[in-house]
Amino acid sequence: QVQLVESGGGLVQPGGSLKLSCAASGSIFSTNAMGWFRQAPGKERDLVASITSGTSTYYTDSVKGRFTISRDNAKNTVYLQMNNLKAEDTAVYYCNAVLGSVPILPYWGQGTQVTVSS
């Protein structure tokens, strides 16, 4: 079973930056698109960014121009560089393999908490 380990979250001020990492095991990483999801209290878990095994990327409108997703297939790791963070970015961030906007793996990692507050 592929394991997902998210890290890099923390408490930052509005306008600050964080870089999240998601390490995965197994061969699925290099052969599937990967995505970052986030879930705030009282809200659904939504896809915010994804990247294919090539160079194609997707971003939800609210993070365009601020977030950048990338992947290192040799390290089985996907990253999310988050700049100009806003309070509304506060959430637990999760990663998963994705088909379009749909998660593929039947489980989630522990997630990493991102809190943006002054």
PDB file of N, CA and C in Angstrom:
ATOM      1  N   GLN A   1       0.840  -1.177   0.000  1.00  0.00           N
ATOM      2  CA  GLN A   1       0.000   0.000   0.000  1.00  0.00           C
ATOM      3  C   GLN A   1       0.886   1.242   0.000  1.00  0.00           C
ATOM      4  N   VAL A   2       0.559   2.201  -0.831  1.00  0.00           N
ATOM      5  CA  VAL A   2       1.320   3.434  -0.910  1.00  0.00           C
ATOM      6  C   VAL A   2       1.018   4.292   0.311  1.00  0.00           C
ATOM      7  N   GLN A   3       2.064   4.758   0.967  1.00  0.00           N
ATOM      8  CA  GLN A   3       1.913   5.643   2.108  1.00  0.00           C
ATOM      9  C   GLN A   3       2.101   7.086   1.663  1.00  0.00           C
ATOM     10  N   LEU A   4       1.383   7.979   2.320  1.00  0.00           N
ATOM     11  CA  LEU A   4       1.449   9.397   2.032  1.00  0.00           C
ATOM     12  C   LEU A   4       1.845  10.130   3.301  1.00  0.00           C
ATOM     13  N   VAL A   5       2.895  10.920   3.224  1.00  0.00           N
ATOM     14  CA  VAL A   5       3.380  11.661   4.381  1.00  0.00           C
ATOM     15  C   VAL A   5       3.530  13.120   4.007  1.00  0.00           C
ATOM     16  N   GLU A   6       2.653  13.943   4.547  1.00  0.00           N
ATOM     17  CA  GLU A   6       2.688  15.379   4.296  1.00  0.00           C
ATOM     18  C   GLU A   6       3.476  16.082   5.398  1.00  0.00           C
ATOM     19  N   SER A   7       4.188  17.120   5.023  1.00  0.00           N
ATOM     20  CA  SER A   7       4.952  17.887   5.994  1.00  0.00           C
ATOM     21  C   SER A   7       5.148  19.309   5.488  1.00  0.00           C
ATOM     22  N   GLY A   8       5.631  20.174   6.358  1.00  0.00           N
ATOM     23  CA  GLY A   8       5.975  21.529   5.975  1.00  0.00           C
ATOM     24  C   GLY A   8       5.008  22.597   6.429  1.00  0.00           C
ATOM     25  N   GLY A   9       3.895  22.204   7.014  1.00  0.00           N
ATOM     26  CA  GLY A   9       2.934  23.183   7.477  1.00  0.00           C
ATOM     27  C   GLY A   9       3.425  23.921   8.705  1.00  0.00           C
ATOM     28  N   GLY A  10       2.645  24.909   9.110  1.00  0.00           N
ATOM     29  CA  GLY A  10       3.006  25.693  10.270  1.00  0.00           C
ATOM     30  C   GLY A  10       2.162  26.941  10.376  1.00  0.00           C
ATOM     31  N   LEU A  11       2.554  27.802  11.292  1.00  0.00           N
ATOM     32  CA  LEU A  11       1.876  29.069  11.517  1.00  0.00           C
ATOM     33  C   LEU A  11       2.653  30.181  10.834  1.00  0.00           C
ATOM     34  N   VAL A  12       1.985  30.913   9.959  1.00  0.00           N
ATOM     35  CA  VAL A  12       2.626  32.008   9.240  1.00  0.00           C
ATOM     36  C   VAL A  12       1.730  33.233   9.250  1.00  0.00           C
ATOM     37  N   GLN A  13       2.339  34.386   9.052  1.00  0.00           N
ATOM     38  CA  GLN A  13       1.606  35.635   8.955  1.00  0.00           C
ATOM     39  C   GLN A  13       1.012  35.797   7.562  1.00  0.00           C
ATOM     40  N   PRO A  14      -0.068  36.551   7.441  1.00  0.00           N
ATOM     41  CA  PRO A  14      -0.581  36.855   6.105  1.00  0.00           C
ATOM     42  C   PRO A  14       0.523  37.459   5.241  1.00  0.00           C
ATOM     43  N   GLY A  15       0.599  36.999   3.990  1.00  0.00           N
ATOM     44  CA  GLY A  15       1.654  37.436   3.101  1.00  0.00           C
ATOM     45  C   GLY A  15       2.902  36.588   3.159  1.00  0.00           C
ATOM     46  N   GLY A  16       2.963  35.687   4.110  1.00  0.00           N
ATOM     47  CA  GLY A  16       4.114  34.824   4.254  1.00  0.00           C
ATOM     48  C   GLY A  16       4.087  33.653   3.294  1.00  0.00           C
ATOM     49  N   SER A  17       5.095  32.802   3.415  1.00  0.00           N
ATOM     50  CA  SER A  17       5.249  31.668   2.511  1.00  0.00           C
ATOM     51  C   SER A  17       5.531  30.387   3.272  1.00  0.00           C
ATOM     52  N   LEU A  18       5.110  29.287   2.687  1.00  0.00           N
ATOM     53  CA  LEU A  18       5.420  27.953   3.172  1.00  0.00           C
ATOM     54  C   LEU A  18       5.620  27.044   1.977  1.00  0.00           C
ATOM     55  N   LYS A  19       6.410  26.007   2.163  1.00  0.00           N
ATOM     56  CA  LYS A  19       6.566  24.984   1.141  1.00  0.00           C
ATOM     57  C   LYS A  19       6.220  23.638   1.749  1.00  0.00           C
ATOM     58  N   LEU A  20       5.180  23.024   1.227  1.00  0.00           N
ATOM     59  CA  LEU A  20       4.738  21.728   1.700  1.00  0.00           C
ATOM     60  C   LEU A  20       5.373  20.617   0.882  1.00  0.00           C
ATOM     61  N   SER A  21       5.586  19.484   1.525  1.00  0.00           N
ATOM     62  CA  SER A  21       6.121  18.308   0.860  1.00  0.00           C
ATOM     63  C   SER A  21       5.203  17.126   1.095  1.00  0.00           C
ATOM     64  N   CYS A  22       5.110  16.276   0.116  1.00  0.00           N
ATOM     65  CA  CYS A  22       4.354  15.035   0.223  1.00  0.00           C
ATOM     66  C   CYS A  22       5.216  13.919  -0.320  1.00  0.00           C
ATOM     67  N   ALA A  23       5.604  13.015   0.558  1.00  0.00           N
ATOM     68  CA  ALA A  23       6.401  11.868   0.167  1.00  0.00           C
ATOM     69  C   ALA A  23       5.501  10.654   0.033  1.00  0.00           C
ATOM     70  N   ALA A  24       5.667   9.934  -1.038  1.00  0.00           N
ATOM     71  CA  ALA A  24       4.875   8.748  -1.296  1.00  0.00           C
ATOM     72  C   ALA A  24       5.780   7.559  -1.557  1.00  0.00           C
ATOM     73  N   SER A  25       5.286   6.383  -1.249  1.00  0.00           N
ATOM     74  CA  SER A  25       6.011   5.160  -1.551  1.00  0.00           C
ATOM     75  C   SER A  25       5.300   4.408  -2.663  1.00  0.00           C
ATOM     76  N   GLY A  26       6.041   3.533  -3.298  1.00  0.00           N
ATOM     77  CA  GLY A  26       5.456   2.737  -4.352  1.00  0.00           C
ATOM     78  C   GLY A  26       5.627   3.344  -5.727  1.00  0.00           C
ATOM     79  N   SER A  27       5.369   2.526  -6.721  1.00  0.00           N
ATOM     80  CA  SER A  27       5.565   2.945  -8.101  1.00  0.00           C
ATOM     81  C   SER A  27       4.470   3.868  -8.619  1.00  0.00           C
ATOM     82  N   ILE A  28       3.394   4.026  -7.859  1.00  0.00           N
ATOM     83  CA  ILE A  28       2.275   4.825  -8.319  1.00  0.00           C
ATOM     84  C   ILE A  28       2.656   6.287  -8.530  1.00  0.00           C
ATOM     85  N   PHE A  29       3.626   6.764  -7.755  1.00  0.00           N
ATOM     86  CA  PHE A  29       3.951   8.182  -7.798  1.00  0.00           C
ATOM     87  C   PHE A  29       4.369   8.640  -9.186  1.00  0.00           C
ATOM     88  N   SER A  30       5.275   7.911  -9.796  1.00  0.00           N
ATOM     89  CA  SER A  30       5.838   8.343 -11.069  1.00  0.00           C
ATOM     90  C   SER A  30       4.919   8.088 -12.255  1.00  0.00           C
ATOM     91  N   THR A  31       3.842   7.354 -12.052  1.00  0.00           N
ATOM     92  CA  THR A  31       2.945   7.008 -13.144  1.00  0.00           C
ATOM     93  C   THR A  31       1.569   7.631 -13.016  1.00  0.00           C
ATOM     94  N   ASN A  32       1.368   8.480 -12.035  1.00  0.00           N
ATOM     95  CA  ASN A  32       0.076   9.120 -11.817  1.00  0.00           C
ATOM     96  C   ASN A  32       0.237  10.606 -11.563  1.00  0.00           C
ATOM     97  N   ALA A  33      -0.802  11.335 -11.861  1.00  0.00           N
ATOM     98  CA  ALA A  33      -0.850  12.723 -11.444  1.00  0.00           C
ATOM     99  C   ALA A  33      -0.989  12.780  -9.922  1.00  0.00           C
ATOM    100  N   MET A  34      -0.466  13.828  -9.325  1.00  0.00           N
ATOM    101  CA  MET A  34      -0.558  14.029  -7.889  1.00  0.00           C
ATOM    102  C   MET A  34      -1.246  15.355  -7.613  1.00  0.00           C
ATOM    103  N   GLY A  35      -1.976  15.383  -6.517  1.00  0.00           N
ATOM    104  CA  GLY A  35      -2.701  16.593  -6.177  1.00  0.00           C
ATOM    105  C   GLY A  35      -2.602  16.937  -4.709  1.00  0.00           C
ATOM    106  N   TRP A  36      -2.790  18.216  -4.430  1.00  0.00           N
ATOM    107  CA  TRP A  36      -2.900  18.719  -3.072  1.00  0.00           C
ATOM    108  C   TRP A  36      -4.351  19.097  -2.808  1.00  0.00           C
ATOM    109  N   PHE A  37      -4.865  18.647  -1.686  1.00  0.00           N
ATOM    110  CA  PHE A  37      -6.203  18.971  -1.228  1.00  0.00           C
ATOM    111  C   PHE A  37      -6.098  19.732   0.085  1.00  0.00           C
ATOM    112  N   ARG A  38      -7.137  20.463   0.413  1.00  0.00           N
ATOM    113  CA  ARG A  38      -7.172  21.100   1.719  1.00  0.00           C
ATOM    114  C   ARG A  38      -8.585  21.049   2.281  1.00  0.00           C
ATOM    115  N   GLN A  39      -8.649  21.029   3.597  1.00  0.00           N
ATOM    116  CA  GLN A  39      -9.926  20.984   4.280  1.00  0.00           C
ATOM    117  C   GLN A  39      -9.891  21.907   5.491  1.00  0.00           C
ATOM    118  N   ALA A  40     -10.752  22.889   5.469  1.00  0.00           N
ATOM    119  CA  ALA A  40     -10.919  23.790   6.590  1.00  0.00           C
ATOM    120  C   ALA A  40     -12.098  23.316   7.429  1.00  0.00           C
ATOM    121  N   PRO A  41     -12.137  23.687   8.709  1.00  0.00           N
ATOM    122  CA  PRO A  41     -13.251  23.269   9.561  1.00  0.00           C
ATOM    123  C   PRO A  41     -14.597  23.644   8.965  1.00  0.00           C
ATOM    124  N   GLY A  42     -15.506  22.679   8.929  1.00  0.00           N
ATOM    125  CA  GLY A  42     -16.834  22.921   8.410  1.00  0.00           C
ATOM    126  C   GLY A  42     -16.937  22.939   6.902  1.00  0.00           C
ATOM    127  N   LYS A  43     -15.832  22.671   6.202  1.00  0.00           N
ATOM    128  CA  LYS A  43     -15.837  22.681   4.751  1.00  0.00           C
ATOM    129  C   LYS A  43     -15.405  21.334   4.197  1.00  0.00           C
ATOM    130  N   GLU A  44     -15.695  21.118   2.933  1.00  0.00           N
ATOM    131  CA  GLU A  44     -15.309  19.885   2.268  1.00  0.00           C
ATOM    132  C   GLU A  44     -13.832  19.901   1.915  1.00  0.00           C
ATOM    133  N   ARG A  45     -13.291  18.715   1.701  1.00  0.00           N
ATOM    134  CA  ARG A  45     -11.921  18.580   1.260  1.00  0.00           C
ATOM    135  C   ARG A  45     -11.881  18.808  -0.245  1.00  0.00           C
ATOM    136  N   ASP A  46     -11.184  19.837  -0.670  1.00  0.00           N
ATOM    137  CA  ASP A  46     -11.178  20.250  -2.067  1.00  0.00           C
ATOM    138  C   ASP A  46      -9.782  20.228  -2.661  1.00  0.00           C
ATOM    139  N   LEU A  47      -9.724  19.923  -3.933  1.00  0.00           N
ATOM    140  CA  LEU A  47      -8.463  19.950  -4.667  1.00  0.00           C
ATOM    141  C   LEU A  47      -8.051  21.397  -4.899  1.00  0.00           C
ATOM    142  N   VAL A  48      -6.804  21.715  -4.592  1.00  0.00           N
ATOM    143  CA  VAL A  48      -6.306  23.061  -4.825  1.00  0.00           C
ATOM    144  C   VAL A  48      -5.265  23.118  -5.932  1.00  0.00           C
ATOM    145  N   ALA A  49      -4.559  22.028  -6.170  1.00  0.00           N
ATOM    146  CA  ALA A  49      -3.546  21.997  -7.213  1.00  0.00           C
ATOM    147  C   ALA A  49      -3.226  20.563  -7.573  1.00  0.00           C
ATOM    148  N   SER A  50      -2.848  20.337  -8.809  1.00  0.00           N
ATOM    149  CA  SER A  50      -2.427  19.010  -9.238  1.00  0.00           C
ATOM    150  C   SER A  50      -1.387  19.129 -10.333  1.00  0.00           C
ATOM    151  N   ILE A  51      -0.642  18.052 -10.516  1.00  0.00           N
ATOM    152  CA  ILE A  51       0.390  18.016 -11.540  1.00  0.00           C
ATOM    153  C   ILE A  51       0.452  16.615 -12.115  1.00  0.00           C
ATOM    154  N   THR A  52       0.558  16.514 -13.416  1.00  0.00           N
ATOM    155  CA  THR A  52       0.656  15.220 -14.072  1.00  0.00           C
ATOM    156  C   THR A  52       2.075  14.694 -13.978  1.00  0.00           C
ATOM    157  N   SER A  53       2.283  13.511 -14.538  1.00  0.00           N
ATOM    158  CA  SER A  53       3.622  12.951 -14.580  1.00  0.00           C
ATOM    159  C   SER A  53       4.517  13.738 -15.519  1.00  0.00           C
ATOM    160  N   GLY A  54       3.916  14.597 -16.322  1.00  0.00           N
ATOM    161  CA  GLY A  54       4.654  15.474 -17.206  1.00  0.00           C
ATOM    162  C   GLY A  54       4.773  16.861 -16.614  1.00  0.00           C
ATOM    163  N   THR A  55       4.275  17.846 -17.328  1.00  0.00           N
ATOM    164  CA  THR A  55       4.404  19.230 -16.888  1.00  0.00           C
ATOM    165  C   THR A  55       3.078  19.946 -16.725  1.00  0.00           C
ATOM    166  N   SER A  56       1.972  19.281 -16.987  1.00  0.00           N
ATOM    167  CA  SER A  56       0.662  19.918 -16.905  1.00  0.00           C
ATOM    168  C   SER A  56       0.255  20.143 -15.451  1.00  0.00           C
ATOM    169  N   THR A  57      -0.209  21.347 -15.152  1.00  0.00           N
ATOM    170  CA  THR A  57      -0.628  21.683 -13.795  1.00  0.00           C
ATOM    171  C   THR A  57      -2.030  22.257 -13.789  1.00  0.00           C
ATOM    172  N   TYR A  58      -2.652  22.169 -12.625  1.00  0.00           N
ATOM    173  CA  TYR A  58      -3.970  22.736 -12.394  1.00  0.00           C
ATOM    174  C   TYR A  58      -3.960  23.464 -11.063  1.00  0.00           C
ATOM    175  N   TYR A  59      -4.650  24.598 -11.004  1.00  0.00           N
ATOM    176  CA  TYR A  59      -4.820  25.334  -9.765  1.00  0.00           C
ATOM    177  C   TYR A  59      -6.256  25.819  -9.662  1.00  0.00           C
ATOM    178  N   THR A  60      -6.810  25.715  -8.475  1.00  0.00           N
ATOM    179  CA  THR A  60      -8.111  26.305  -8.267  1.00  0.00           C
ATOM    180  C   THR A  60      -7.956  27.825  -8.284  1.00  0.00           C
ATOM    181  N   ASP A  61      -9.021  28.512  -8.660  1.00  0.00           N
ATOM    182  CA  ASP A  61      -8.933  29.949  -8.902  1.00  0.00           C
ATOM    183  C   ASP A  61      -8.370  30.733  -7.716  1.00  0.00           C
ATOM    184  N   SER A  62      -8.716  30.341  -6.523  1.00  0.00           N
ATOM    185  CA  SER A  62      -8.332  31.111  -5.348  1.00  0.00           C
ATOM    186  C   SER A  62      -6.835  31.099  -5.052  1.00  0.00           C
ATOM    187  N   VAL A  63      -6.093  30.170  -5.658  1.00  0.00           N
ATOM    188  CA  VAL A  63      -4.661  30.091  -5.383  1.00  0.00           C
ATOM    189  C   VAL A  63      -3.807  30.397  -6.595  1.00  0.00           C
ATOM    190  N   LYS A  64      -4.416  30.643  -7.729  1.00  0.00           N
ATOM    191  CA  LYS A  64      -3.658  30.933  -8.942  1.00  0.00           C
ATOM    192  C   LYS A  64      -2.784  32.164  -8.751  1.00  0.00           C
ATOM    193  N   GLY A  65      -1.545  32.051  -9.193  1.00  0.00           N
ATOM    194  CA  GLY A  65      -0.603  33.138  -9.054  1.00  0.00           C
ATOM    195  C   GLY A  65       0.105  33.179  -7.725  1.00  0.00           C
ATOM    196  N   ARG A  66      -0.357  32.392  -6.767  1.00  0.00           N
ATOM    197  CA  ARG A  66       0.253  32.372  -5.442  1.00  0.00           C
ATOM    198  C   ARG A  66       0.898  31.030  -5.109  1.00  0.00           C
ATOM    199  N   PHE A  67       0.305  29.938  -5.576  1.00  0.00           N
ATOM    200  CA  PHE A  67       0.803  28.595  -5.278  1.00  0.00           C
ATOM    201  C   PHE A  67       1.451  27.997  -6.520  1.00  0.00           C
ATOM    202  N   THR A  68       2.471  27.185  -6.308  1.00  0.00           N
ATOM    203  CA  THR A  68       3.126  26.465  -7.389  1.00  0.00           C
ATOM    204  C   THR A  68       3.325  25.015  -6.972  1.00  0.00           C
ATOM    205  N   ILE A  69       2.812  24.100  -7.770  1.00  0.00           N
ATOM    206  CA  ILE A  69       2.989  22.686  -7.499  1.00  0.00           C
ATOM    207  C   ILE A  69       4.121  22.147  -8.367  1.00  0.00           C
ATOM    208  N   SER A  70       4.907  21.260  -7.809  1.00  0.00           N
ATOM    209  CA  SER A  70       5.991  20.634  -8.551  1.00  0.00           C
ATOM    210  C   SER A  70       6.197  19.225  -8.022  1.00  0.00           C
ATOM    211  N   ARG A  71       6.967  18.433  -8.756  1.00  0.00           N
ATOM    212  CA  ARG A  71       7.217  17.068  -8.307  1.00  0.00           C
ATOM    213  C   ARG A  71       8.629  16.647  -8.653  1.00  0.00           C
ATOM    214  N   ASP A  72       9.159  15.774  -7.828  1.00  0.00           N
ATOM    215  CA  ASP A  72      10.468  15.184  -8.040  1.00  0.00           C
ATOM    216  C   ASP A  72      10.252  13.682  -8.054  1.00  0.00           C
ATOM    217  N   ASN A  73      10.188  13.117  -9.240  1.00  0.00           N
ATOM    218  CA  ASN A  73       9.876  11.699  -9.359  1.00  0.00           C
ATOM    219  C   ASN A  73      10.964  10.806  -8.761  1.00  0.00           C
ATOM    220  N   ALA A  74      12.201  11.251  -8.824  1.00  0.00           N
ATOM    221  CA  ALA A  74      13.297  10.471  -8.257  1.00  0.00           C
ATOM    222  C   ALA A  74      13.160  10.338  -6.749  1.00  0.00           C
ATOM    223  N   LYS A  75      12.559  11.340  -6.112  1.00  0.00           N
ATOM    224  CA  LYS A  75      12.365  11.328  -4.670  1.00  0.00           C
ATOM    225  C   LYS A  75      10.955  10.922  -4.268  1.00  0.00           C
ATOM    226  N   ASN A  76      10.105  10.636  -5.242  1.00  0.00           N
ATOM    227  CA  ASN A  76       8.698  10.319  -4.966  1.00  0.00           C
ATOM    228  C   ASN A  76       8.069  11.388  -4.075  1.00  0.00           C
ATOM    229  N   THR A  77       8.300  12.627  -4.427  1.00  0.00           N
ATOM    230  CA  THR A  77       7.847  13.743  -3.611  1.00  0.00           C
ATOM    231  C   THR A  77       7.186  14.807  -4.473  1.00  0.00           C
ATOM    232  N   VAL A  78       6.067  15.318  -3.995  1.00  0.00           N
ATOM    233  CA  VAL A  78       5.398  16.434  -4.630  1.00  0.00           C
ATOM    234  C   VAL A  78       5.411  17.606  -3.658  1.00  0.00           C
ATOM    235  N   TYR A  79       5.592  18.802  -4.187  1.00  0.00           N
ATOM    236  CA  TYR A  79       5.716  19.997  -3.375  1.00  0.00           C
ATOM    237  C   TYR A  79       4.609  20.984  -3.693  1.00  0.00           C
ATOM    238  N   LEU A  80       4.325  21.828  -2.728  1.00  0.00           N
ATOM    239  CA  LEU A  80       3.416  22.940  -2.942  1.00  0.00           C
ATOM    240  C   LEU A  80       4.040  24.178  -2.337  1.00  0.00           C
ATOM    241  N   GLN A  81       4.572  25.040  -3.193  1.00  0.00           N
ATOM    242  CA  GLN A  81       5.111  26.314  -2.749  1.00  0.00           C
ATOM    243  C   GLN A  81       3.957  27.300  -2.639  1.00  0.00           C
ATOM    244  N   MET A  82       3.750  27.828  -1.452  1.00  0.00           N
ATOM    245  CA  MET A  82       2.642  28.729  -1.190  1.00  0.00           C
ATOM    246  C   MET A  82       3.197  30.097  -0.821  1.00  0.00           C
ATOM    247  N   ASN A  83       2.898  31.085  -1.639  1.00  0.00           N
ATOM    248  CA  ASN A  83       3.337  32.450  -1.404  1.00  0.00           C
ATOM    249  C   ASN A  83       2.139  33.357  -1.176  1.00  0.00           C
ATOM    250  N   ASN A  84       2.404  34.505  -0.578  1.00  0.00           N
ATOM    251  CA  ASN A  84       1.351  35.484  -0.308  1.00  0.00           C
ATOM    252  C   ASN A  84       0.144  34.834   0.351  1.00  0.00           C
ATOM    253  N   LEU A  85       0.405  34.109   1.406  1.00  0.00           N
ATOM    254  CA  LEU A  85      -0.659  33.371   2.077  1.00  0.00           C
ATOM    255  C   LEU A  85      -1.697  34.296   2.690  1.00  0.00           C
ATOM    256  N   LYS A  86      -2.927  33.837   2.648  1.00  0.00           N
ATOM    257  CA  LYS A  86      -4.060  34.573   3.176  1.00  0.00           C
ATOM    258  C   LYS A  86      -4.728  33.761   4.275  1.00  0.00           C
ATOM    259  N   ALA A  87      -5.499  34.430   5.101  1.00  0.00           N
ATOM    260  CA  ALA A  87      -6.176  33.751   6.192  1.00  0.00           C
ATOM    261  C   ALA A  87      -7.069  32.626   5.681  1.00  0.00           C
ATOM    262  N   GLU A  88      -7.672  32.823   4.527  1.00  0.00           N
ATOM    263  CA  GLU A  88      -8.556  31.809   3.972  1.00  0.00           C
ATOM    264  C   GLU A  88      -7.828  30.571   3.465  1.00  0.00           C
ATOM    265  N   ASP A  89      -6.492  30.600   3.457  1.00  0.00           N
ATOM    266  CA  ASP A  89      -5.723  29.417   3.115  1.00  0.00           C
ATOM    267  C   ASP A  89      -5.567  28.473   4.298  1.00  0.00           C
ATOM    268  N   THR A  90      -5.987  28.913   5.467  1.00  0.00           N
ATOM    269  CA  THR A  90      -5.876  28.089   6.664  1.00  0.00           C
ATOM    270  C   THR A  90      -6.678  26.804   6.498  1.00  0.00           C
ATOM    271  N   ALA A  91      -6.010  25.675   6.654  1.00  0.00           N
ATOM    272  CA  ALA A  91      -6.640  24.375   6.459  1.00  0.00           C
ATOM    273  C   ALA A  91      -5.618  23.290   6.746  1.00  0.00           C
ATOM    274  N   VAL A  92      -6.097  22.063   6.798  1.00  0.00           N
ATOM    275  CA  VAL A  92      -5.211  20.916   6.787  1.00  0.00           C
ATOM    276  C   VAL A  92      -5.012  20.514   5.337  1.00  0.00           C
ATOM    277  N   TYR A  93      -3.769  20.380   4.927  1.00  0.00           N
ATOM    278  CA  TYR A  93      -3.441  20.059   3.547  1.00  0.00           C
ATOM    279  C   TYR A  93      -3.050  18.594   3.420  1.00  0.00           C
ATOM    280  N   TYR A  94      -3.606  17.939   2.412  1.00  0.00           N
ATOM    281  CA  TYR A  94      -3.382  16.529   2.151  1.00  0.00           C
ATOM    282  C   TYR A  94      -2.943  16.338   0.704  1.00  0.00           C
ATOM    283  N   CYS A  95      -2.252  15.246   0.438  1.00  0.00           N
ATOM    284  CA  CYS A  95      -1.924  14.900  -0.933  1.00  0.00           C
ATOM    285  C   CYS A  95      -2.498  13.537  -1.276  1.00  0.00           C
ATOM    286  N   ASN A  96      -2.623  13.287  -2.555  1.00  0.00           N
ATOM    287  CA  ASN A  96      -3.085  12.000  -3.041  1.00  0.00           C
ATOM    288  C   ASN A  96      -2.793  11.921  -4.526  1.00  0.00           C
ATOM    289  N   ALA A  97      -2.705  10.701  -5.026  1.00  0.00           N
ATOM    290  CA  ALA A  97      -2.718  10.530  -6.467  1.00  0.00           C
ATOM    291  C   ALA A  97      -4.106  10.914  -6.961  1.00  0.00           C
ATOM    292  N   VAL A  98      -4.167  11.496  -8.140  1.00  0.00           N
ATOM    293  CA  VAL A  98      -5.455  11.966  -8.646  1.00  0.00           C
ATOM    294  C   VAL A  98      -5.668  11.555 -10.096  1.00  0.00           C
ATOM    295  N   LEU A  99      -6.919  11.379 -10.424  1.00  0.00           N
ATOM    296  CA  LEU A  99      -7.365  11.246 -11.794  1.00  0.00           C
ATOM    297  C   LEU A  99      -8.302  12.425 -12.013  1.00  0.00           C
ATOM    298  N   GLY A 100      -7.821  13.412 -12.738  1.00  0.00           N
ATOM    299  CA  GLY A 100      -8.549  14.664 -12.794  1.00  0.00           C
ATOM    300  C   GLY A 100      -8.550  15.287 -11.410  1.00  0.00           C
ATOM    301  N   SER A 101      -9.725  15.528 -10.868  1.00  0.00           N
ATOM    302  CA  SER A 101      -9.854  16.087  -9.529  1.00  0.00           C
ATOM    303  C   SER A 101     -10.205  15.046  -8.476  1.00  0.00           C
ATOM    304  N   VAL A 102     -10.189  13.783  -8.857  1.00  0.00           N
ATOM    305  CA  VAL A 102     -10.636  12.703  -7.989  1.00  0.00           C
ATOM    306  C   VAL A 102      -9.447  11.971  -7.392  1.00  0.00           C
ATOM    307  N   PRO A 103      -9.401  11.820  -6.067  1.00  0.00           N
ATOM    308  CA  PRO A 103      -8.315  11.047  -5.458  1.00  0.00           C
ATOM    309  C   PRO A 103      -8.405   9.582  -5.820  1.00  0.00           C
ATOM    310  N   ILE A 104      -7.260   8.946  -6.014  1.00  0.00           N
ATOM    311  CA  ILE A 104      -7.205   7.554  -6.435  1.00  0.00           C
ATOM    312  C   ILE A 104      -7.017   6.597  -5.262  1.00  0.00           C
ATOM    313  N   LEU A 105      -6.089   6.922  -4.377  1.00  0.00           N
ATOM    314  CA  LEU A 105      -5.801   6.031  -3.271  1.00  0.00           C
ATOM    315  C   LEU A 105      -6.965   6.003  -2.293  1.00  0.00           C
ATOM    316  N   PRO A 106      -7.247   4.819  -1.723  1.00  0.00           N
ATOM    317  CA  PRO A 106      -8.390   4.683  -0.816  1.00  0.00           C
ATOM    318  C   PRO A 106      -8.089   5.118   0.614  1.00  0.00           C
ATOM    319  N   TYR A 107      -7.042   5.866   0.815  1.00  0.00           N
ATOM    320  CA  TYR A 107      -6.673   6.329   2.133  1.00  0.00           C
ATOM    321  C   TYR A 107      -5.991   7.685   2.014  1.00  0.00           C
ATOM    322  N   TRP A 108      -5.844   8.353   3.158  1.00  0.00           N
ATOM    323  CA  TRP A 108      -5.175   9.645   3.217  1.00  0.00           C
ATOM    324  C   TRP A 108      -4.060   9.608   4.253  1.00  0.00           C
ATOM    325  N   GLY A 109      -3.103  10.494   4.082  1.00  0.00           N
ATOM    326  CA  GLY A 109      -2.097  10.666   5.106  1.00  0.00           C
ATOM    327  C   GLY A 109      -2.647  11.469   6.261  1.00  0.00           C
ATOM    328  N   GLN A 110      -1.773  11.847   7.178  1.00  0.00           N
ATOM    329  CA  GLN A 110      -2.210  12.593   8.350  1.00  0.00           C
ATOM    330  C   GLN A 110      -2.496  14.059   8.046  1.00  0.00           C
ATOM    331  N   GLY A 111      -2.017  14.530   6.919  1.00  0.00           N
ATOM    332  CA  GLY A 111      -2.166  15.926   6.563  1.00  0.00           C
ATOM    333  C   GLY A 111      -1.180  16.799   7.316  1.00  0.00           C
ATOM    334  N   THR A 112      -1.059  18.043   6.869  1.00  0.00           N
ATOM    335  CA  THR A 112      -0.217  18.999   7.558  1.00  0.00           C
ATOM    336  C   THR A 112      -0.989  20.306   7.714  1.00  0.00           C
ATOM    337  N   GLN A 113      -0.984  20.836   8.919  1.00  0.00           N
ATOM    338  CA  GLN A 113      -1.780  22.016   9.239  1.00  0.00           C
ATOM    339  C   GLN A 113      -1.083  23.283   8.776  1.00  0.00           C
ATOM    340  N   VAL A 114      -1.816  24.101   8.046  1.00  0.00           N
ATOM    341  CA  VAL A 114      -1.358  25.427   7.657  1.00  0.00           C
ATOM    342  C   VAL A 114      -2.278  26.441   8.315  1.00  0.00           C
ATOM    343  N   THR A 115      -1.706  27.312   9.113  1.00  0.00           N
ATOM    344  CA  THR A 115      -2.476  28.352   9.777  1.00  0.00           C
ATOM    345  C   THR A 115      -1.897  29.706   9.402  1.00  0.00           C
ATOM    346  N   VAL A 116      -2.731  30.556   8.837  1.00  0.00           N
ATOM    347  CA  VAL A 116      -2.318  31.891   8.433  1.00  0.00           C
ATOM    348  C   VAL A 116      -3.050  32.886   9.317  1.00  0.00           C
ATOM    349  N   SER A 117      -2.312  33.564  10.158  1.00  0.00           N
ATOM    350  CA  SER A 117      -2.925  34.450  11.134  1.00  0.00           C
ATOM    351  C   SER A 117      -1.950  35.531  11.552  1.00  0.00           C
ATOM    352  N   SER A 118      -2.484  36.710  11.811  1.00  0.00           N
ATOM    353  CA  SER A 118      -1.694  37.808  12.329  1.00  0.00           C
ATOM    354  C   SER A 118      -1.857  37.944  13.834  1.00  0.00           C
TER     355      SER A 118
END
